Amino acid sequence: MSGVFSDKIFLQLAKLEKICNHKGMKFLAENERAIILDCMHKKQDSRIYKRLHVIILYDDGLSVAKIARLFYLDEETIRSYIECT
């Protein structure tokens, strides 16, 4: 895995988190969703991919409980991914 590539993904996530926190959004804007999908397609780091996947599934309308069951994670972890904390 390239360190430069990872840094780019983390910078994009940081920008997305700032947008989420600023707007208090539940759903993603088109450009935010495009950033996430672009990062997912590159899927260099499985931890980042999982977090992005959770955000996309939530944006698609799945509940926190259902996403938690799909990923075998607790609901609090899923909420932390979604709430951009």
PDB file of N, CA and C in Angstrom:
ATOM      1  N   MET A   1       0.842  -1.174   0.000  1.00  0.00           N
ATOM      2  CA  MET A   1       0.000   0.000   0.000  1.00  0.00           C
ATOM      3  C   MET A   1       0.884   1.233   0.000  1.00  0.00           C
ATOM      4  N   SER A   2       0.563   2.159  -0.807  1.00  0.00           N
ATOM      5  CA  SER A   2       1.320   3.400  -0.913  1.00  0.00           C
ATOM      6  C   SER A   2       0.913   4.361   0.197  1.00  0.00           C
ATOM      7  N   GLY A   3       1.918   4.934   0.880  1.00  0.00           N
ATOM      8  CA  GLY A   3       1.639   5.906   1.924  1.00  0.00           C
ATOM      9  C   GLY A   3       0.967   7.147   1.382  1.00  0.00           C
ATOM     10  N   VAL A   4       1.361   7.551   0.187  1.00  0.00           N
ATOM     11  CA  VAL A   4       0.774   8.732  -0.442  1.00  0.00           C
ATOM     12  C   VAL A   4      -0.709   8.495  -0.707  1.00  0.00           C
ATOM     13  N   PHE A   5      -1.035   7.302  -1.211  1.00  0.00           N
ATOM     14  CA  PHE A   5      -2.438   6.983  -1.490  1.00  0.00           C
ATOM     15  C   PHE A   5      -3.250   7.021  -0.204  1.00  0.00           C
ATOM     16  N   SER A   6      -2.728   6.436   0.854  1.00  0.00           N
ATOM     17  CA  SER A   6      -3.430   6.431   2.137  1.00  0.00           C
ATOM     18  C   SER A   6      -3.642   7.852   2.640  1.00  0.00           C
ATOM     19  N   ASP A   7      -2.622   8.690   2.513  1.00  0.00           N
ATOM     20  CA  ASP A   7      -2.738  10.077   2.947  1.00  0.00           C
ATOM     21  C   ASP A   7      -3.841  10.793   2.192  1.00  0.00           C
ATOM     22  N   LYS A   8      -3.965  10.542   0.896  1.00  0.00           N
ATOM     23  CA  LYS A   8      -5.015  11.172   0.094  1.00  0.00           C
ATOM     24  C   LYS A   8      -6.394  10.746   0.588  1.00  0.00           C
ATOM     25  N   ILE A   9      -6.548   9.464   0.888  1.00  0.00           N
ATOM     26  CA  ILE A   9      -7.841   8.970   1.381  1.00  0.00           C
ATOM     27  C   ILE A   9      -8.171   9.613   2.724  1.00  0.00           C
ATOM     28  N   PHE A  10      -7.187   9.659   3.627  1.00  0.00           N
ATOM     29  CA  PHE A  10      -7.437  10.259   4.933  1.00  0.00           C
ATOM     30  C   PHE A  10      -7.781  11.738   4.808  1.00  0.00           C
ATOM     31  N   LEU A  11      -7.134  12.447   3.885  1.00  0.00           N
ATOM     32  CA  LEU A  11      -7.463  13.854   3.665  1.00  0.00           C
ATOM     33  C   LEU A  11      -8.894  14.004   3.150  1.00  0.00           C
ATOM     34  N   GLN A  12      -9.298  13.120   2.237  1.00  0.00           N
ATOM     35  CA  GLN A  12     -10.662  13.167   1.721  1.00  0.00           C
ATOM     36  C   GLN A  12     -11.668  12.854   2.828  1.00  0.00           C
ATOM     37  N   LEU A  13     -11.348  11.872   3.681  1.00  0.00           N
ATOM     38  CA  LEU A  13     -12.232  11.552   4.797  1.00  0.00           C
ATOM     39  C   LEU A  13     -12.335  12.732   5.762  1.00  0.00           C
ATOM     40  N   ALA A  14     -11.215  13.378   6.025  1.00  0.00           N
ATOM     41  CA  ALA A  14     -11.224  14.534   6.919  1.00  0.00           C
ATOM     42  C   ALA A  14     -12.108  15.641   6.357  1.00  0.00           C
ATOM     43  N   LYS A  15     -12.015  15.871   5.048  1.00  0.00           N
ATOM     44  CA  LYS A  15     -12.865  16.880   4.411  1.00  0.00           C
ATOM     45  C   LYS A  15     -14.332  16.488   4.537  1.00  0.00           C
ATOM     46  N   LEU A  16     -14.638  15.210   4.308  1.00  0.00           N
ATOM     47  CA  LEU A  16     -16.012  14.731   4.412  1.00  0.00           C
ATOM     48  C   LEU A  16     -16.515  14.878   5.844  1.00  0.00           C
ATOM     49  N   GLU A  17     -15.687  14.537   6.828  1.00  0.00           N
ATOM     50  CA  GLU A  17     -16.098  14.654   8.222  1.00  0.00           C
ATOM     51  C   GLU A  17     -16.371  16.108   8.584  1.00  0.00           C
ATOM     52  N   LYS A  18     -15.561  17.011   8.080  1.00  0.00           N
ATOM     53  CA  LYS A  18     -15.779  18.434   8.335  1.00  0.00           C
ATOM     54  C   LYS A  18     -17.116  18.877   7.738  1.00  0.00           C
ATOM     55  N   ILE A  19     -17.413  18.410   6.536  1.00  0.00           N
ATOM     56  CA  ILE A  19     -18.686  18.740   5.881  1.00  0.00           C
ATOM     57  C   ILE A  19     -19.844  18.183   6.694  1.00  0.00           C
ATOM     58  N   CYS A  20     -19.741  16.913   7.115  1.00  0.00           N
ATOM     59  CA  CYS A  20     -20.811  16.273   7.891  1.00  0.00           C
ATOM     60  C   CYS A  20     -21.042  17.018   9.199  1.00  0.00           C
ATOM     61  N   ASN A  21     -19.969  17.323   9.905  1.00  0.00           N
ATOM     62  CA  ASN A  21     -20.099  18.007  11.188  1.00  0.00           C
ATOM     63  C   ASN A  21     -20.639  19.417  11.006  1.00  0.00           C
ATOM     64  N   HIS A  22     -20.230  20.083   9.938  1.00  0.00           N
ATOM     65  CA  HIS A  22     -20.669  21.453   9.687  1.00  0.00           C
ATOM     66  C   HIS A  22     -22.160  21.512   9.370  1.00  0.00           C
ATOM     67  N   LYS A  23     -22.624  20.621   8.539  1.00  0.00           N
ATOM     68  CA  LYS A  23     -24.010  20.661   8.090  1.00  0.00           C
ATOM     69  C   LYS A  23     -24.940  19.860   8.988  1.00  0.00           C
ATOM     70  N   GLY A  24     -24.404  18.974   9.836  1.00  0.00           N
ATOM     71  CA  GLY A  24     -25.253  18.101  10.636  1.00  0.00           C
ATOM     72  C   GLY A  24     -26.105  17.205   9.756  1.00  0.00           C
ATOM     73  N   MET A  25     -25.529  16.736   8.663  1.00  0.00           N
ATOM     74  CA  MET A  25     -26.274  16.002   7.651  1.00  0.00           C
ATOM     75  C   MET A  25     -26.498  14.546   8.027  1.00  0.00           C
ATOM     76  N   LYS A  26     -27.609  14.030   7.595  1.00  0.00           N
ATOM     77  CA  LYS A  26     -27.866  12.600   7.707  1.00  0.00           C
ATOM     78  C   LYS A  26     -27.542  11.930   6.379  1.00  0.00           C
ATOM     79  N   PHE A  27     -27.852  12.576   5.288  1.00  0.00           N
ATOM     80  CA  PHE A  27     -27.623  12.018   3.962  1.00  0.00           C
ATOM     81  C   PHE A  27     -26.496  12.768   3.264  1.00  0.00           C
ATOM     82  N   LEU A  28     -25.848  12.084   2.358  1.00  0.00           N
ATOM     83  CA  LEU A  28     -24.709  12.644   1.640  1.00  0.00           C
ATOM     84  C   LEU A  28     -25.144  13.468   0.431  1.00  0.00           C
ATOM     85  N   ALA A  29     -24.387  14.498   0.145  1.00  0.00           N
ATOM     86  CA  ALA A  29     -24.567  15.240  -1.100  1.00  0.00           C
ATOM     87  C   ALA A  29     -23.930  14.413  -2.218  1.00  0.00           C
ATOM     88  N   GLU A  30     -24.285  14.700  -3.432  1.00  0.00           N
ATOM     89  CA  GLU A  30     -23.762  13.937  -4.573  1.00  0.00           C
ATOM     90  C   GLU A  30     -22.240  13.908  -4.614  1.00  0.00           C
ATOM     91  N   ASN A  31     -21.608  15.061  -4.411  1.00  0.00           N
ATOM     92  CA  ASN A  31     -20.147  15.106  -4.482  1.00  0.00           C
ATOM     93  C   ASN A  31     -19.504  14.330  -3.332  1.00  0.00           C
ATOM     94  N   GLU A  32     -20.127  14.331  -2.158  1.00  0.00           N
ATOM     95  CA  GLU A  32     -19.615  13.564  -1.027  1.00  0.00           C
ATOM     96  C   GLU A  32     -19.705  12.063  -1.301  1.00  0.00           C
ATOM     97  N   ARG A  33     -20.832  11.660  -1.852  1.00  0.00           N
ATOM     98  CA  ARG A  33     -21.015  10.249  -2.195  1.00  0.00           C
ATOM     99  C   ARG A  33     -20.000   9.824  -3.259  1.00  0.00           C
ATOM    100  N   ALA A  34     -19.749  10.696  -4.224  1.00  0.00           N
ATOM    101  CA  ALA A  34     -18.776  10.389  -5.280  1.00  0.00           C
ATOM    102  C   ALA A  34     -17.374  10.206  -4.708  1.00  0.00           C
ATOM    103  N   ILE A  35     -17.000  11.045  -3.735  1.00  0.00           N
ATOM    104  CA  ILE A  35     -15.687  10.909  -3.089  1.00  0.00           C
ATOM    105  C   ILE A  35     -15.584   9.546  -2.401  1.00  0.00           C
ATOM    106  N   ILE A  36     -16.620   9.189  -1.679  1.00  0.00           N
ATOM    107  CA  ILE A  36     -16.613   7.913  -0.956  1.00  0.00           C
ATOM    108  C   ILE A  36     -16.532   6.744  -1.929  1.00  0.00           C
ATOM    109  N   LEU A  37     -17.336   6.759  -2.958  1.00  0.00           N
ATOM    110  CA  LEU A  37     -17.325   5.656  -3.924  1.00  0.00           C
ATOM    111  C   LEU A  37     -15.983   5.557  -4.637  1.00  0.00           C
ATOM    112  N   ASP A  38     -15.377   6.700  -4.938  1.00  0.00           N
ATOM    113  CA  ASP A  38     -14.059   6.699  -5.564  1.00  0.00           C
ATOM    114  C   ASP A  38     -13.032   6.035  -4.647  1.00  0.00           C
ATOM    115  N   CYS A  39     -13.053   6.400  -3.382  1.00  0.00           N
ATOM    116  CA  CYS A  39     -12.134   5.783  -2.417  1.00  0.00           C
ATOM    117  C   CYS A  39     -12.398   4.285  -2.272  1.00  0.00           C
ATOM    118  N   MET A  40     -13.661   3.897  -2.266  1.00  0.00           N
ATOM    119  CA  MET A  40     -14.011   2.475  -2.123  1.00  0.00           C
ATOM    120  C   MET A  40     -13.483   1.663  -3.300  1.00  0.00           C
ATOM    121  N   HIS A  41     -13.555   2.222  -4.490  1.00  0.00           N
ATOM    122  CA  HIS A  41     -13.091   1.484  -5.668  1.00  0.00           C
ATOM    123  C   HIS A  41     -11.590   1.243  -5.632  1.00  0.00           C
ATOM    124  N   LYS A  42     -10.865   2.116  -4.938  1.00  0.00           N
ATOM    125  CA  LYS A  42      -9.416   1.943  -4.809  1.00  0.00           C
ATOM    126  C   LYS A  42      -9.066   0.977  -3.687  1.00  0.00           C
ATOM    127  N   LYS A  43      -9.950   0.826  -2.726  1.00  0.00           N
ATOM    128  CA  LYS A  43      -9.907  -0.088  -1.570  1.00  0.00           C
ATOM    129  C   LYS A  43      -8.524  -0.622  -1.189  1.00  0.00           C
ATOM    130  N   GLN A  44      -7.617   0.271  -0.875  1.00  0.00           N
ATOM    131  CA  GLN A  44      -6.276  -0.108  -0.459  1.00  0.00           C
ATOM    132  C   GLN A  44      -6.214  -0.532   1.008  1.00  0.00           C
ATOM    133  N   ASP A  45      -7.047   0.025   1.844  1.00  0.00           N
ATOM    134  CA  ASP A  45      -7.022  -0.252   3.274  1.00  0.00           C
ATOM    135  C   ASP A  45      -8.400  -0.763   3.689  1.00  0.00           C
ATOM    136  N   SER A  46      -8.465  -1.974   4.202  1.00  0.00           N
ATOM    137  CA  SER A  46      -9.754  -2.587   4.519  1.00  0.00           C
ATOM    138  C   SER A  46     -10.504  -1.836   5.613  1.00  0.00           C
ATOM    139  N   ARG A  47      -9.783  -1.199   6.547  1.00  0.00           N
ATOM    140  CA  ARG A  47     -10.454  -0.439   7.610  1.00  0.00           C
ATOM    141  C   ARG A  47     -11.193   0.755   7.026  1.00  0.00           C
ATOM    142  N   ILE A  48     -10.545   1.440   6.107  1.00  0.00           N
ATOM    143  CA  ILE A  48     -11.171   2.597   5.468  1.00  0.00           C
ATOM    144  C   ILE A  48     -12.333   2.139   4.603  1.00  0.00           C
ATOM    145  N   TYR A  49     -12.132   1.049   3.856  1.00  0.00           N
ATOM    146  CA  TYR A  49     -13.184   0.527   2.987  1.00  0.00           C
ATOM    147  C   TYR A  49     -14.434   0.203   3.805  1.00  0.00           C
ATOM    148  N   LYS A  50     -14.240  -0.445   4.963  1.00  0.00           N
ATOM    149  CA  LYS A  50     -15.383  -0.819   5.802  1.00  0.00           C
ATOM    150  C   LYS A  50     -16.142   0.419   6.267  1.00  0.00           C
ATOM    151  N   ARG A  51     -15.410   1.426   6.718  1.00  0.00           N
ATOM    152  CA  ARG A  51     -16.059   2.646   7.199  1.00  0.00           C
ATOM    153  C   ARG A  51     -16.832   3.330   6.075  1.00  0.00           C
ATOM    154  N   LEU A  52     -16.223   3.418   4.911  1.00  0.00           N
ATOM    155  CA  LEU A  52     -16.896   4.028   3.764  1.00  0.00           C
ATOM    156  C   LEU A  52     -18.128   3.233   3.358  1.00  0.00           C
ATOM    157  N   HIS A  53     -18.012   1.917   3.391  1.00  0.00           N
ATOM    158  CA  HIS A  53     -19.131   1.043   3.031  1.00  0.00           C
ATOM    159  C   HIS A  53     -20.306   1.270   3.984  1.00  0.00           C
ATOM    160  N   VAL A  54     -20.016   1.395   5.272  1.00  0.00           N
ATOM    161  CA  VAL A  54     -21.063   1.665   6.264  1.00  0.00           C
ATOM    162  C   VAL A  54     -21.769   2.977   5.944  1.00  0.00           C
ATOM    163  N   ILE A  55     -21.001   4.017   5.622  1.00  0.00           N
ATOM    164  CA  ILE A  55     -21.591   5.325   5.320  1.00  0.00           C
ATOM    165  C   ILE A  55     -22.490   5.244   4.095  1.00  0.00           C
ATOM    166  N   ILE A  56     -22.047   4.531   3.066  1.00  0.00           N
ATOM    167  CA  ILE A  56     -22.857   4.380   1.844  1.00  0.00           C
ATOM    168  C   ILE A  56     -24.135   3.595   2.129  1.00  0.00           C
ATOM    169  N   LEU A  57     -24.033   2.507   2.889  1.00  0.00           N
ATOM    170  CA  LEU A  57     -25.225   1.716   3.209  1.00  0.00           C
ATOM    171  C   LEU A  57     -26.231   2.541   4.009  1.00  0.00           C
ATOM    172  N   TYR A  58     -25.754   3.339   4.939  1.00  0.00           N
ATOM    173  CA  TYR A  58     -26.641   4.200   5.707  1.00  0.00           C
ATOM    174  C   TYR A  58     -27.292   5.235   4.798  1.00  0.00           C
ATOM    175  N   ASP A  59     -26.520   5.797   3.890  1.00  0.00           N
ATOM    176  CA  ASP A  59     -27.049   6.758   2.929  1.00  0.00           C
ATOM    177  C   ASP A  59     -28.096   6.107   2.025  1.00  0.00           C
ATOM    178  N   ASP A  60     -27.940   4.803   1.779  1.00  0.00           N
ATOM    179  CA  ASP A  60     -28.914   4.069   0.965  1.00  0.00           C
ATOM    180  C   ASP A  60     -30.191   3.734   1.734  1.00  0.00           C
ATOM    181  N   GLY A  61     -30.208   4.027   3.045  1.00  0.00           N
ATOM    182  CA  GLY A  61     -31.431   3.832   3.812  1.00  0.00           C
ATOM    183  C   GLY A  61     -31.429   2.669   4.780  1.00  0.00           C
ATOM    184  N   LEU A  62     -30.339   1.927   4.886  1.00  0.00           N
ATOM    185  CA  LEU A  62     -30.290   0.833   5.846  1.00  0.00           C
ATOM    186  C   LEU A  62     -30.188   1.391   7.259  1.00  0.00           C
ATOM    187  N   SER A  63     -30.801   0.707   8.205  1.00  0.00           N
ATOM    188  CA  SER A  63     -30.758   1.152   9.598  1.00  0.00           C
ATOM    189  C   SER A  63     -29.416   0.813  10.229  1.00  0.00           C
ATOM    190  N   VAL A  64     -29.124   1.501  11.322  1.00  0.00           N
ATOM    191  CA  VAL A  64     -27.891   1.234  12.066  1.00  0.00           C
ATOM    192  C   VAL A  64     -27.865  -0.218  12.526  1.00  0.00           C
ATOM    193  N   ALA A  65     -28.990  -0.712  13.024  1.00  0.00           N
ATOM    194  CA  ALA A  65     -29.061  -2.093  13.515  1.00  0.00           C
ATOM    195  C   ALA A  65     -28.767  -3.100  12.401  1.00  0.00           C
ATOM    196  N   LYS A  66     -29.333  -2.875  11.231  1.00  0.00           N
ATOM    197  CA  LYS A  66     -29.108  -3.802  10.120  1.00  0.00           C
ATOM    198  C   LYS A  66     -27.648  -3.774   9.657  1.00  0.00           C
ATOM    199  N   ILE A  67     -27.074  -2.590   9.561  1.00  0.00           N
ATOM    200  CA  ILE A  67     -25.673  -2.478   9.154  1.00  0.00           C
ATOM    201  C   ILE A  67     -24.779  -3.169  10.179  1.00  0.00           C
ATOM    202  N   ALA A  68     -25.079  -2.988  11.469  1.00  0.00           N
ATOM    203  CA  ALA A  68     -24.293  -3.643  12.527  1.00  0.00           C
ATOM    204  C   ALA A  68     -24.333  -5.157  12.366  1.00  0.00           C
ATOM    205  N   ARG A  69     -25.499  -5.697  12.064  1.00  0.00           N
ATOM    206  CA  ARG A  69     -25.609  -7.155  11.848  1.00  0.00           C
ATOM    207  C   ARG A  69     -24.823  -7.596  10.623  1.00  0.00           C
ATOM    208  N   LEU A  70     -24.862  -6.814   9.559  1.00  0.00           N
ATOM    209  CA  LEU A  70     -24.140  -7.166   8.332  1.00  0.00           C
ATOM    210  C   LEU A  70     -22.630  -7.227   8.545  1.00  0.00           C
ATOM    211  N   PHE A  71     -22.117  -6.312   9.360  1.00  0.00           N
ATOM    212  CA  PHE A  71     -20.670  -6.219   9.570  1.00  0.00           C
ATOM    213  C   PHE A  71     -20.196  -6.916  10.847  1.00  0.00           C
ATOM    214  N   TYR A  72     -21.141  -7.490  11.607  1.00  0.00           N
ATOM    215  CA  TYR A  72     -20.802  -8.127  12.882  1.00  0.00           C
ATOM    216  C   TYR A  72     -20.105  -7.140  13.816  1.00  0.00           C
ATOM    217  N   LEU A  73     -20.647  -5.931  13.865  1.00  0.00           N
ATOM    218  CA  LEU A  73     -20.147  -4.882  14.746  1.00  0.00           C
ATOM    219  C   LEU A  73     -21.283  -4.421  15.640  1.00  0.00           C
ATOM    220  N   ASP A  74     -20.936  -3.745  16.723  1.00  0.00           N
ATOM    221  CA  ASP A  74     -21.990  -3.216  17.584  1.00  0.00           C
ATOM    222  C   ASP A  74     -22.528  -1.914  16.979  1.00  0.00           C
ATOM    223  N   GLU A  75     -23.737  -1.562  17.393  1.00  0.00           N
ATOM    224  CA  GLU A  75     -24.400  -0.389  16.834  1.00  0.00           C
ATOM    225  C   GLU A  75     -23.653   0.900  17.159  1.00  0.00           C
ATOM    226  N   GLU A  76     -23.001   0.960  18.299  1.00  0.00           N
ATOM    227  CA  GLU A  76     -22.245   2.161  18.672  1.00  0.00           C
ATOM    228  C   GLU A  76     -21.103   2.418  17.684  1.00  0.00           C
ATOM    229  N   THR A  77     -20.435   1.368  17.247  1.00  0.00           N
ATOM    230  CA  THR A  77     -19.363   1.509  16.266  1.00  0.00           C
ATOM    231  C   THR A  77     -19.921   2.049  14.954  1.00  0.00           C
ATOM    232  N   ILE A  78     -21.044   1.507  14.537  1.00  0.00           N
ATOM    233  CA  ILE A  78     -21.677   1.965  13.292  1.00  0.00           C
ATOM    234  C   ILE A  78     -22.057   3.437  13.420  1.00  0.00           C
ATOM    235  N   ARG A  79     -22.648   3.812  14.556  1.00  0.00           N
ATOM    236  CA  ARG A  79     -23.018   5.217  14.755  1.00  0.00           C
ATOM    237  C   ARG A  79     -21.795   6.129  14.711  1.00  0.00           C
ATOM    238  N   SER A  80     -20.673   5.660  15.271  1.00  0.00           N
ATOM    239  CA  SER A  80     -19.471   6.501  15.249  1.00  0.00           C
ATOM    240  C   SER A  80     -18.980   6.721  13.814  1.00  0.00           C
ATOM    241  N   TYR A  81     -19.136   5.700  12.946  1.00  0.00           N
ATOM    242  CA  TYR A  81     -18.757   5.860  11.542  1.00  0.00           C
ATOM    243  C   TYR A  81     -19.676   6.875  10.867  1.00  0.00           C
ATOM    244  N   ILE A  82     -20.970   6.766  11.131  1.00  0.00           N
ATOM    245  CA  ILE A  82     -21.970   7.600  10.463  1.00  0.00           C
ATOM    246  C   ILE A  82     -21.920   9.036  10.963  1.00  0.00           C
ATOM    247  N   GLU A  83     -21.732   9.215  12.246  1.00  0.00           N
ATOM    248  CA  GLU A  83     -21.766  10.552  12.828  1.00  0.00           C
ATOM    249  C   GLU A  83     -20.486  11.329  12.605  1.00  0.00           C
ATOM    250  N   CYS A  84     -19.507  10.705  11.934  1.00  0.00           N
ATOM    251  CA  CYS A  84     -18.260  11.385  11.583  1.00  0.00           C
ATOM    252  C   CYS A  84     -17.546  11.922  12.813  1.00  0.00           C
ATOM    253  N   THR A  85     -17.478  11.103  13.840  1.00  0.00           N
ATOM    254  CA  THR A  85     -16.797  11.561  15.058  1.00  0.00           C
ATOM    255  C   THR A  85     -15.413  10.990  15.141  1.00  0.00           C
TER     256      THR A  85
END
